[in-house]
């Protein structure tokens, strides 16, 4: 993994840890979006897993059902430990261990989301589709976004159709050009 991507992931993981400790769960949403830029550039699956995990935590931890559970403190403690282990592994550039810790985090999220039965669709599946549609919105091809997220093209198209673009007056091609210029710090 590229050095810049590693540093970006570390910033996001540390930010997520801090937000959870301070019970500022809404901050997790923007942290998951920060990693989308790296996904667009590097298209590495572990980066998507980080974005999905952080976004899923945002959805779960904001739910009163989760906060009121008897095992909420244990859940948060486990999440913080997984984040700490993932940070240590990334700092050591031990990508195998990093992926393992992120997968453990995803399993814990899945376990809790099943227990609270908050969604008809798993929170992780929802997060994968949501992040995949964001990647597609930002210019990644539908096929690449589908392959990277594991969501079907149909799910991504449906999710993208429900998304409102902030500036509807700008043609999609111009939006993509602006995004590329922004990503590579090009003027114009």
N, C-alpha and C. Protein backbone atom coordinates (compact mmCIF):
# COMPACT_ATOMS: atom_id res chain seq x y z
N UNK A 1 0.85 -1.17 0.00
CA UNK A 1 0.00 0.00 0.00
C UNK A 1 0.90 1.24 0.00
N UNK A 2 0.48 2.23 -0.75
CA UNK A 2 1.25 3.48 -0.85
C UNK A 2 1.36 4.17 0.51
N UNK A 3 2.46 4.87 0.71
CA UNK A 3 2.71 5.55 1.97
C UNK A 3 1.62 6.57 2.29
N UNK A 4 1.20 7.34 1.30
CA UNK A 4 0.14 8.35 1.51
C UNK A 4 -1.15 7.68 1.95
N UNK A 5 -1.50 6.58 1.33
CA UNK A 5 -2.72 5.85 1.70
C UNK A 5 -2.61 5.35 3.15
N UNK A 6 -1.45 4.82 3.51
CA UNK A 6 -1.24 4.34 4.89
C UNK A 6 -1.45 5.47 5.89
N UNK A 7 -0.87 6.63 5.59
CA UNK A 7 -1.01 7.77 6.50
C UNK A 7 -2.45 8.25 6.59
N UNK A 8 -3.15 8.26 5.46
CA UNK A 8 -4.56 8.66 5.46
C UNK A 8 -5.40 7.70 6.29
N UNK A 9 -5.14 6.40 6.14
CA UNK A 9 -5.87 5.39 6.91
C UNK A 9 -5.59 5.57 8.40
N UNK A 10 -4.35 5.81 8.74
CA UNK A 10 -4.01 6.02 10.15
C UNK A 10 -4.75 7.23 10.73
N UNK A 11 -4.81 8.32 9.98
CA UNK A 11 -5.54 9.51 10.44
C UNK A 11 -7.01 9.20 10.67
N UNK A 12 -7.60 8.47 9.73
CA UNK A 12 -9.03 8.13 9.85
C UNK A 12 -9.26 7.22 11.05
N UNK A 13 -8.42 6.20 11.22
CA UNK A 13 -8.60 5.28 12.34
C UNK A 13 -8.42 5.98 13.69
N UNK A 14 -7.43 6.84 13.77
CA UNK A 14 -7.23 7.60 15.01
C UNK A 14 -8.40 8.54 15.26
N UNK A 15 -8.89 9.16 14.21
CA UNK A 15 -10.06 10.03 14.33
C UNK A 15 -11.29 9.27 14.79
N UNK A 16 -11.46 8.06 14.25
CA UNK A 16 -12.61 7.23 14.64
C UNK A 16 -12.50 6.84 16.11
N UNK A 17 -11.32 6.46 16.51
CA UNK A 17 -11.09 6.10 17.91
C UNK A 17 -11.45 7.27 18.84
N UNK A 18 -10.97 8.43 18.49
CA UNK A 18 -11.23 9.63 19.28
C UNK A 18 -12.73 9.95 19.32
N UNK A 19 -13.39 9.88 18.16
CA UNK A 19 -14.82 10.18 18.10
C UNK A 19 -15.63 9.21 18.95
N UNK A 20 -15.26 7.94 18.92
CA UNK A 20 -15.98 6.95 19.72
C UNK A 20 -15.75 7.19 21.22
N UNK A 21 -14.51 7.46 21.59
CA UNK A 21 -14.21 7.72 23.01
C UNK A 21 -14.97 8.94 23.52
N UNK A 22 -15.12 9.94 22.66
CA UNK A 22 -15.81 11.17 23.05
C UNK A 22 -17.31 11.12 22.77
N UNK A 23 -17.78 9.96 22.30
CA UNK A 23 -19.18 9.74 21.97
C UNK A 23 -19.70 10.76 20.95
N UNK A 24 -18.84 11.12 20.02
CA UNK A 24 -19.21 12.01 18.91
C UNK A 24 -19.40 11.15 17.67
N UNK A 25 -20.43 10.33 17.69
CA UNK A 25 -20.64 9.31 16.68
C UNK A 25 -20.92 9.88 15.29
N UNK A 26 -21.49 11.07 15.22
CA UNK A 26 -21.77 11.69 13.92
C UNK A 26 -20.49 11.97 13.15
N UNK A 27 -19.39 12.18 13.85
CA UNK A 27 -18.10 12.45 13.19
C UNK A 27 -17.62 11.25 12.38
N UNK A 28 -18.11 10.08 12.70
CA UNK A 28 -17.68 8.87 11.99
C UNK A 28 -18.10 8.91 10.52
N UNK A 29 -19.22 9.53 10.23
CA UNK A 29 -19.70 9.61 8.85
C UNK A 29 -18.68 10.34 7.96
N UNK A 30 -18.24 11.50 8.40
CA UNK A 30 -17.28 12.26 7.58
C UNK A 30 -15.93 11.55 7.51
N UNK A 31 -15.57 10.83 8.57
CA UNK A 31 -14.31 10.08 8.54
C UNK A 31 -14.37 8.96 7.50
N UNK A 32 -15.52 8.31 7.39
CA UNK A 32 -15.64 7.25 6.38
C UNK A 32 -15.56 7.84 4.98
N UNK A 33 -16.08 9.03 4.81
CA UNK A 33 -16.02 9.68 3.50
C UNK A 33 -14.60 10.11 3.14
N UNK A 34 -13.79 10.44 4.14
CA UNK A 34 -12.40 10.86 3.87
C UNK A 34 -11.61 9.76 3.19
N UNK A 35 -11.94 8.53 3.48
CA UNK A 35 -11.19 7.41 2.93
C UNK A 35 -11.58 7.15 1.47
N UNK A 36 -12.73 7.71 1.03
CA UNK A 36 -13.17 7.49 -0.35
C UNK A 36 -12.15 8.00 -1.37
N UNK A 37 -11.50 9.10 -1.07
CA UNK A 37 -10.48 9.63 -1.98
C UNK A 37 -9.38 8.59 -2.22
N UNK A 38 -8.91 7.98 -1.16
CA UNK A 38 -7.87 6.95 -1.29
C UNK A 38 -8.38 5.76 -2.09
N UNK A 39 -9.64 5.40 -1.88
CA UNK A 39 -10.20 4.28 -2.62
C UNK A 39 -10.23 4.60 -4.10
N UNK A 40 -10.61 5.84 -4.44
CA UNK A 40 -10.65 6.26 -5.84
C UNK A 40 -9.26 6.16 -6.47
N UNK A 41 -8.27 6.57 -5.75
CA UNK A 41 -6.91 6.60 -6.29
C UNK A 41 -6.28 5.20 -6.31
N UNK A 42 -6.36 4.48 -5.20
CA UNK A 42 -5.61 3.23 -5.07
C UNK A 42 -6.44 1.96 -5.32
N UNK A 43 -7.76 2.05 -5.19
CA UNK A 43 -8.68 0.95 -5.43
C UNK A 43 -8.24 -0.34 -4.72
N UNK A 44 -7.94 -0.21 -3.45
CA UNK A 44 -7.53 -1.35 -2.64
C UNK A 44 -8.65 -1.74 -1.70
N UNK A 45 -8.97 -3.02 -1.69
CA UNK A 45 -10.08 -3.56 -0.89
C UNK A 45 -9.98 -3.22 0.59
N UNK A 46 -8.81 -3.31 1.22
CA UNK A 46 -8.75 -2.99 2.65
C UNK A 46 -9.22 -1.56 2.96
N UNK A 47 -9.00 -0.64 2.02
CA UNK A 47 -9.45 0.73 2.24
C UNK A 47 -10.98 0.80 2.25
N UNK A 48 -11.59 0.03 1.38
CA UNK A 48 -13.05 -0.01 1.36
C UNK A 48 -13.58 -0.61 2.66
N UNK A 49 -12.93 -1.65 3.15
CA UNK A 49 -13.36 -2.26 4.40
C UNK A 49 -13.29 -1.27 5.55
N UNK A 50 -12.29 -0.40 5.54
CA UNK A 50 -12.18 0.63 6.57
C UNK A 50 -13.36 1.60 6.45
N UNK A 51 -13.64 2.06 5.24
CA UNK A 51 -14.75 3.00 5.03
C UNK A 51 -16.07 2.37 5.46
N UNK A 52 -16.28 1.12 5.10
CA UNK A 52 -17.52 0.41 5.45
C UNK A 52 -17.62 0.25 6.96
N UNK A 53 -16.53 -0.13 7.59
CA UNK A 53 -16.55 -0.32 9.05
C UNK A 53 -16.87 0.98 9.77
N UNK A 54 -16.21 2.06 9.39
CA UNK A 54 -16.42 3.34 10.07
C UNK A 54 -17.85 3.84 9.84
N UNK A 55 -18.34 3.73 8.60
CA UNK A 55 -19.70 4.16 8.30
C UNK A 55 -20.71 3.31 9.07
N UNK A 56 -20.49 2.01 9.13
CA UNK A 56 -21.37 1.11 9.87
C UNK A 56 -21.40 1.45 11.36
N UNK A 57 -20.23 1.76 11.90
CA UNK A 57 -20.16 2.17 13.30
C UNK A 57 -20.98 3.44 13.53
N UNK A 58 -20.90 4.37 12.58
CA UNK A 58 -21.70 5.59 12.66
C UNK A 58 -23.18 5.24 12.77
N UNK A 59 -23.65 4.36 11.89
CA UNK A 59 -25.06 4.00 11.88
C UNK A 59 -25.46 3.25 13.15
N UNK A 60 -24.63 2.34 13.59
CA UNK A 60 -24.95 1.56 14.79
C UNK A 60 -24.91 2.39 16.07
N UNK A 61 -23.83 3.12 16.25
CA UNK A 61 -23.63 3.82 17.52
C UNK A 61 -24.59 5.00 17.71
N UNK A 62 -25.13 5.52 16.62
CA UNK A 62 -26.12 6.59 16.76
C UNK A 62 -27.49 6.05 17.14
N UNK A 63 -27.70 4.76 16.99
CA UNK A 63 -28.99 4.15 17.30
C UNK A 63 -29.16 3.98 18.80
N UNK A 64 -30.26 4.46 19.30
CA UNK A 64 -30.54 4.34 20.73
C UNK A 64 -30.63 2.88 21.16
N UNK A 65 -31.13 2.02 20.25
CA UNK A 65 -31.23 0.59 20.57
C UNK A 65 -29.87 0.00 20.94
N UNK A 66 -28.84 0.45 20.25
CA UNK A 66 -27.49 -0.06 20.50
C UNK A 66 -26.94 0.55 21.78
N UNK A 67 -27.13 1.83 21.95
CA UNK A 67 -26.60 2.52 23.13
C UNK A 67 -27.21 2.01 24.43
N UNK A 68 -28.45 1.53 24.37
CA UNK A 68 -29.16 1.08 25.56
C UNK A 68 -28.92 -0.39 25.89
N UNK A 69 -28.24 -1.09 25.03
CA UNK A 69 -27.99 -2.53 25.27
C UNK A 69 -27.10 -2.73 26.49
N UNK A 70 -27.32 -3.84 27.17
CA UNK A 70 -26.50 -4.16 28.34
C UNK A 70 -25.03 -4.35 27.95
N UNK A 71 -24.81 -4.87 26.75
CA UNK A 71 -23.44 -5.13 26.33
C UNK A 71 -22.84 -3.98 25.50
N UNK A 72 -23.44 -2.79 25.56
CA UNK A 72 -22.94 -1.65 24.78
C UNK A 72 -21.50 -1.29 25.17
N UNK A 73 -21.20 -1.29 26.45
CA UNK A 73 -19.85 -0.94 26.90
C UNK A 73 -18.83 -1.96 26.39
N UNK A 74 -19.21 -3.25 26.40
CA UNK A 74 -18.32 -4.28 25.89
C UNK A 74 -18.12 -4.12 24.38
N UNK A 75 -19.20 -3.81 23.67
CA UNK A 75 -19.12 -3.59 22.22
C UNK A 75 -18.16 -2.45 21.91
N UNK A 76 -18.31 -1.34 22.59
CA UNK A 76 -17.44 -0.19 22.35
C UNK A 76 -16.00 -0.51 22.73
N UNK A 77 -15.81 -1.22 23.81
CA UNK A 77 -14.47 -1.62 24.23
C UNK A 77 -13.80 -2.52 23.18
N UNK A 78 -14.58 -3.46 22.64
CA UNK A 78 -14.05 -4.35 21.60
C UNK A 78 -13.69 -3.57 20.35
N UNK A 79 -14.55 -2.64 19.96
CA UNK A 79 -14.30 -1.81 18.77
C UNK A 79 -13.01 -1.00 18.96
N UNK A 80 -12.89 -0.37 20.11
CA UNK A 80 -11.70 0.44 20.37
C UNK A 80 -10.43 -0.42 20.35
N UNK A 81 -10.51 -1.63 20.89
CA UNK A 81 -9.36 -2.54 20.88
C UNK A 81 -9.01 -2.94 19.44
N UNK A 82 -10.04 -3.24 18.63
CA UNK A 82 -9.79 -3.60 17.23
C UNK A 82 -9.16 -2.43 16.47
N UNK A 83 -9.66 -1.23 16.72
CA UNK A 83 -9.09 -0.04 16.07
C UNK A 83 -7.64 0.16 16.50
N UNK A 84 -7.38 -0.03 17.79
CA UNK A 84 -6.02 0.12 18.31
C UNK A 84 -5.07 -0.90 17.66
N UNK A 85 -5.53 -2.15 17.55
CA UNK A 85 -4.72 -3.19 16.92
C UNK A 85 -4.49 -2.89 15.44
N UNK A 86 -5.52 -2.39 14.76
CA UNK A 86 -5.39 -2.05 13.34
C UNK A 86 -4.41 -0.90 13.16
N UNK A 87 -4.46 0.07 14.05
CA UNK A 87 -3.52 1.20 13.99
C UNK A 87 -2.09 0.70 14.18
N UNK A 88 -1.89 -0.14 15.18
CA UNK A 88 -0.54 -0.69 15.42
C UNK A 88 -0.03 -1.45 14.20
N UNK A 89 -0.88 -2.27 13.61
CA UNK A 89 -0.47 -3.05 12.44
C UNK A 89 -0.15 -2.13 11.26
N UNK A 90 -0.95 -1.09 11.06
CA UNK A 90 -0.70 -0.16 9.95
C UNK A 90 0.59 0.62 10.20
N UNK A 91 0.83 1.03 11.44
CA UNK A 91 2.08 1.73 11.76
C UNK A 91 3.29 0.85 11.46
N UNK A 92 3.16 -0.45 11.68
CA UNK A 92 4.23 -1.40 11.41
C UNK A 92 4.26 -1.84 9.94
N UNK A 93 3.27 -1.36 9.18
CA UNK A 93 3.10 -1.73 7.75
C UNK A 93 2.94 -3.25 7.61
N UNK A 94 2.28 -3.84 8.60
CA UNK A 94 1.95 -5.26 8.59
C UNK A 94 0.53 -5.38 8.04
N UNK A 95 0.42 -5.39 6.71
CA UNK A 95 -0.88 -5.31 6.05
C UNK A 95 -1.75 -6.54 6.28
N UNK A 96 -1.14 -7.70 6.44
CA UNK A 96 -1.90 -8.90 6.73
C UNK A 96 -2.59 -8.79 8.08
N UNK A 97 -1.86 -8.35 9.09
CA UNK A 97 -2.44 -8.18 10.42
C UNK A 97 -3.47 -7.05 10.41
N UNK A 98 -3.18 -6.00 9.66
CA UNK A 98 -4.13 -4.89 9.55
C UNK A 98 -5.48 -5.38 9.01
N UNK A 99 -5.43 -6.11 7.90
CA UNK A 99 -6.66 -6.64 7.31
C UNK A 99 -7.39 -7.57 8.28
N UNK A 100 -6.63 -8.37 9.01
CA UNK A 100 -7.22 -9.28 9.98
C UNK A 100 -7.98 -8.52 11.07
N UNK A 101 -7.41 -7.44 11.57
CA UNK A 101 -8.05 -6.64 12.61
C UNK A 101 -9.30 -5.94 12.07
N UNK A 102 -9.23 -5.46 10.84
CA UNK A 102 -10.40 -4.81 10.23
C UNK A 102 -11.51 -5.84 10.03
N UNK A 103 -11.15 -7.06 9.61
CA UNK A 103 -12.16 -8.11 9.42
C UNK A 103 -12.79 -8.50 10.76
N UNK A 104 -12.00 -8.52 11.82
CA UNK A 104 -12.55 -8.80 13.15
C UNK A 104 -13.53 -7.69 13.54
N UNK A 105 -13.18 -6.46 13.26
CA UNK A 105 -14.06 -5.33 13.54
C UNK A 105 -15.37 -5.47 12.77
N UNK A 106 -15.28 -5.84 11.49
CA UNK A 106 -16.49 -6.03 10.67
C UNK A 106 -17.37 -7.15 11.23
N UNK A 107 -16.75 -8.22 11.70
CA UNK A 107 -17.52 -9.33 12.29
C UNK A 107 -18.25 -8.89 13.56
N UNK A 108 -17.59 -8.09 14.37
CA UNK A 108 -18.21 -7.58 15.59
C UNK A 108 -19.39 -6.67 15.25
N UNK A 109 -19.23 -5.84 14.25
CA UNK A 109 -20.31 -4.96 13.80
C UNK A 109 -21.49 -5.82 13.31
N UNK A 110 -21.19 -6.84 12.53
CA UNK A 110 -22.23 -7.73 12.01
C UNK A 110 -22.97 -8.43 13.15
N UNK A 111 -22.23 -8.87 14.15
CA UNK A 111 -22.83 -9.57 15.29
C UNK A 111 -23.83 -8.67 16.00
N UNK A 112 -23.45 -7.44 16.25
CA UNK A 112 -24.33 -6.53 16.98
C UNK A 112 -25.51 -6.10 16.11
N UNK A 113 -25.26 -5.86 14.83
CA UNK A 113 -26.38 -5.42 13.98
C UNK A 113 -27.43 -6.52 13.85
N UNK A 114 -27.01 -7.77 13.86
CA UNK A 114 -27.98 -8.88 13.84
C UNK A 114 -28.78 -8.94 15.13
N UNK A 115 -28.11 -8.72 16.24
CA UNK A 115 -28.78 -8.81 17.54
C UNK A 115 -29.84 -7.73 17.72
N UNK A 116 -29.57 -6.53 17.25
CA UNK A 116 -30.54 -5.46 17.44
C UNK A 116 -31.58 -5.42 16.32
N UNK A 117 -31.35 -6.19 15.28
CA UNK A 117 -32.29 -6.29 14.16
C UNK A 117 -32.80 -4.92 13.75
N UNK A 118 -31.87 -4.02 13.54
CA UNK A 118 -32.22 -2.65 13.19
C UNK A 118 -32.66 -2.52 11.74
N UNK A 119 -32.09 -3.29 10.90
CA UNK A 119 -32.30 -3.12 9.48
C UNK A 119 -32.79 -4.41 8.86
N UNK A 120 -33.63 -4.29 7.82
CA UNK A 120 -33.99 -5.49 7.07
C UNK A 120 -32.76 -5.96 6.30
N UNK A 121 -31.93 -5.02 5.95
CA UNK A 121 -30.68 -5.32 5.26
C UNK A 121 -29.56 -5.12 6.29
N UNK A 122 -28.58 -5.98 6.27
CA UNK A 122 -27.46 -5.86 7.19
C UNK A 122 -26.83 -4.47 7.09
N UNK A 123 -26.41 -3.93 8.22
CA UNK A 123 -25.77 -2.62 8.22
C UNK A 123 -24.50 -2.64 7.35
N UNK A 124 -23.79 -3.76 7.33
CA UNK A 124 -22.59 -3.84 6.50
C UNK A 124 -22.92 -3.85 5.02
N UNK A 125 -23.97 -4.59 4.64
CA UNK A 125 -24.38 -4.60 3.23
C UNK A 125 -24.83 -3.21 2.82
N UNK A 126 -25.59 -2.57 3.69
CA UNK A 126 -26.05 -1.21 3.42
C UNK A 126 -24.85 -0.27 3.22
N UNK A 127 -23.87 -0.39 4.09
CA UNK A 127 -22.69 0.48 4.02
C UNK A 127 -21.90 0.23 2.73
N UNK A 128 -21.76 -1.04 2.34
CA UNK A 128 -21.04 -1.35 1.09
C UNK A 128 -21.74 -0.72 -0.11
N UNK A 129 -23.06 -0.82 -0.16
CA UNK A 129 -23.82 -0.24 -1.27
C UNK A 129 -23.69 1.28 -1.24
N UNK A 130 -23.81 1.85 -0.06
CA UNK A 130 -23.72 3.31 0.08
C UNK A 130 -22.36 3.82 -0.37
N UNK A 131 -21.29 3.18 0.09
CA UNK A 131 -19.95 3.62 -0.29
C UNK A 131 -19.68 3.35 -1.76
N UNK A 132 -20.19 2.24 -2.29
CA UNK A 132 -20.04 1.94 -3.72
C UNK A 132 -20.74 2.96 -4.58
N UNK A 133 -21.92 3.39 -4.16
CA UNK A 133 -22.64 4.39 -4.95
C UNK A 133 -21.91 5.73 -4.91
N UNK A 134 -21.28 6.03 -3.77
CA UNK A 134 -20.48 7.27 -3.67
C UNK A 134 -19.28 7.21 -4.62
N UNK A 135 -18.64 6.05 -4.68
CA UNK A 135 -17.50 5.90 -5.60
C UNK A 135 -17.95 6.09 -7.05
N UNK A 136 -19.08 5.51 -7.38
CA UNK A 136 -19.65 5.65 -8.72
C UNK A 136 -20.00 7.10 -9.02
N UNK A 137 -20.61 7.78 -8.05
CA UNK A 137 -20.94 9.21 -8.18
C UNK A 137 -19.70 10.04 -8.46
N UNK A 138 -18.58 9.65 -7.84
CA UNK A 138 -17.35 10.43 -7.97
C UNK A 138 -16.50 10.02 -9.17
N UNK A 139 -17.04 9.17 -10.04
CA UNK A 139 -16.35 8.91 -11.29
C UNK A 139 -15.78 7.53 -11.49
N UNK A 140 -15.78 6.69 -10.49
CA UNK A 140 -15.31 5.33 -10.68
C UNK A 140 -16.36 4.60 -11.52
N UNK A 141 -15.95 3.76 -12.43
CA UNK A 141 -16.92 3.07 -13.27
C UNK A 141 -17.83 2.19 -12.41
N UNK A 142 -19.01 1.93 -12.92
CA UNK A 142 -19.97 1.09 -12.20
C UNK A 142 -19.39 -0.29 -11.94
N UNK A 143 -18.72 -0.86 -12.95
CA UNK A 143 -18.11 -2.18 -12.80
C UNK A 143 -17.02 -2.20 -11.75
N UNK A 144 -16.17 -1.17 -11.76
CA UNK A 144 -15.08 -1.11 -10.78
C UNK A 144 -15.64 -0.91 -9.37
N UNK A 145 -16.64 -0.05 -9.23
CA UNK A 145 -17.25 0.17 -7.91
C UNK A 145 -17.92 -1.10 -7.41
N UNK A 146 -18.57 -1.82 -8.31
CA UNK A 146 -19.22 -3.08 -7.96
C UNK A 146 -18.19 -4.12 -7.53
N UNK A 147 -17.14 -4.25 -8.32
CA UNK A 147 -16.10 -5.24 -8.01
C UNK A 147 -15.41 -4.92 -6.68
N UNK A 148 -15.13 -3.66 -6.47
CA UNK A 148 -14.42 -3.24 -5.27
C UNK A 148 -15.26 -3.43 -4.01
N UNK A 149 -16.56 -3.14 -4.09
CA UNK A 149 -17.42 -3.20 -2.91
C UNK A 149 -18.08 -4.55 -2.68
N UNK A 150 -18.20 -5.33 -3.75
CA UNK A 150 -18.91 -6.60 -3.64
C UNK A 150 -20.42 -6.42 -3.77
N UNK A 151 -20.86 -5.19 -4.02
CA UNK A 151 -22.27 -4.92 -4.26
C UNK A 151 -22.55 -5.12 -5.74
N UNK A 152 -23.76 -5.52 -6.06
CA UNK A 152 -24.10 -5.73 -7.47
C UNK A 152 -24.24 -4.38 -8.18
N UNK A 153 -24.06 -4.40 -9.48
CA UNK A 153 -24.23 -3.18 -10.27
C UNK A 153 -25.65 -2.65 -10.09
N UNK A 154 -26.60 -3.56 -10.04
CA UNK A 154 -28.00 -3.17 -9.86
C UNK A 154 -28.19 -2.41 -8.55
N UNK A 155 -27.62 -2.91 -7.46
CA UNK A 155 -27.74 -2.24 -6.17
C UNK A 155 -27.11 -0.85 -6.21
N UNK A 156 -25.96 -0.76 -6.88
CA UNK A 156 -25.27 0.53 -6.96
C UNK A 156 -26.06 1.52 -7.81
N UNK A 157 -26.63 1.05 -8.91
CA UNK A 157 -27.43 1.94 -9.76
C UNK A 157 -28.67 2.41 -9.01
N UNK A 158 -29.31 1.50 -8.28
CA UNK A 158 -30.49 1.87 -7.52
C UNK A 158 -30.13 2.89 -6.44
N UNK A 159 -29.05 2.65 -5.71
CA UNK A 159 -28.63 3.57 -4.66
C UNK A 159 -28.22 4.92 -5.23
N UNK A 160 -27.53 4.91 -6.37
CA UNK A 160 -27.12 6.17 -7.00
C UNK A 160 -28.32 6.95 -7.50
N UNK A 161 -29.37 6.25 -7.92
CA UNK A 161 -30.59 6.91 -8.37
C UNK A 161 -31.32 7.61 -7.26
N UNK A 162 -31.13 7.15 -6.02
CA UNK A 162 -31.78 7.76 -4.86
C UNK A 162 -30.97 8.92 -4.30
N UNK A 163 -29.73 9.06 -4.78
CA UNK A 163 -28.85 10.09 -4.26
C UNK A 163 -29.10 11.40 -4.99
N UNK A 164 -29.18 12.47 -4.25
CA UNK A 164 -29.38 13.78 -4.85
C UNK A 164 -28.02 14.45 -4.98
N UNK A 165 -27.70 14.87 -6.18
CA UNK A 165 -26.47 15.59 -6.40
C UNK A 165 -26.68 17.04 -5.99
N UNK A 166 -25.69 17.63 -5.35
CA UNK A 166 -25.84 18.99 -4.85
C UNK A 166 -25.93 20.02 -5.96
N UNK A 167 -25.24 19.82 -7.05
CA UNK A 167 -25.24 20.81 -8.11
C UNK A 167 -25.73 20.15 -9.39
N UNK A 168 -27.04 20.06 -9.53
CA UNK A 168 -27.65 19.38 -10.67
C UNK A 168 -27.40 20.10 -11.98
N UNK A 169 -27.06 21.39 -11.93
CA UNK A 169 -26.91 22.15 -13.16
C UNK A 169 -25.59 21.85 -13.89
N UNK A 170 -24.66 21.20 -13.23
CA UNK A 170 -23.36 20.90 -13.84
C UNK A 170 -23.43 19.50 -14.46
N UNK A 171 -23.12 19.38 -15.76
CA UNK A 171 -23.12 18.05 -16.39
C UNK A 171 -22.14 17.11 -15.67
N UNK A 172 -22.46 15.82 -15.67
CA UNK A 172 -21.67 14.82 -14.95
C UNK A 172 -20.22 14.80 -15.43
N UNK A 173 -19.99 15.02 -16.73
CA UNK A 173 -18.61 15.01 -17.24
C UNK A 173 -17.79 16.12 -16.59
N UNK A 174 -18.41 17.31 -16.45
CA UNK A 174 -17.71 18.43 -15.83
C UNK A 174 -17.43 18.14 -14.36
N UNK A 175 -18.39 17.49 -13.69
CA UNK A 175 -18.18 17.11 -12.28
C UNK A 175 -16.99 16.18 -12.16
N UNK A 176 -16.90 15.23 -13.06
CA UNK A 176 -15.79 14.27 -13.02
C UNK A 176 -14.46 14.96 -13.29
N UNK A 177 -14.45 15.88 -14.24
CA UNK A 177 -13.22 16.63 -14.53
C UNK A 177 -12.78 17.42 -13.31
N UNK A 178 -13.73 18.08 -12.65
CA UNK A 178 -13.41 18.85 -11.44
C UNK A 178 -12.86 17.94 -10.35
N UNK A 179 -13.45 16.76 -10.21
CA UNK A 179 -12.99 15.81 -9.20
C UNK A 179 -11.55 15.38 -9.48
N UNK A 180 -11.25 15.05 -10.73
CA UNK A 180 -9.89 14.63 -11.08
C UNK A 180 -8.91 15.77 -10.81
N UNK A 181 -9.28 16.98 -11.20
CA UNK A 181 -8.41 18.14 -10.94
C UNK A 181 -8.17 18.30 -9.45
N UNK A 182 -9.23 18.15 -8.66
CA UNK A 182 -9.10 18.28 -7.21
C UNK A 182 -8.22 17.17 -6.63
N UNK A 183 -8.43 15.94 -7.11
CA UNK A 183 -7.68 14.78 -6.59
C UNK A 183 -6.18 14.93 -6.84
N UNK A 184 -5.85 15.49 -8.02
CA UNK A 184 -4.44 15.60 -8.38
C UNK A 184 -3.90 17.02 -8.22
N UNK A 185 -4.67 17.84 -7.54
CA UNK A 185 -4.25 19.21 -7.22
C UNK A 185 -3.85 19.99 -8.48
N UNK A 186 -4.70 19.88 -9.51
CA UNK A 186 -4.48 20.59 -10.77
C UNK A 186 -5.35 21.83 -10.79
N UNK A 187 -4.82 22.92 -11.25
CA UNK A 187 -5.59 24.15 -11.32
C UNK A 187 -6.57 24.12 -12.50
N UNK A 188 -7.38 25.13 -12.59
CA UNK A 188 -8.26 25.28 -13.74
C UNK A 188 -9.61 24.98 -13.42
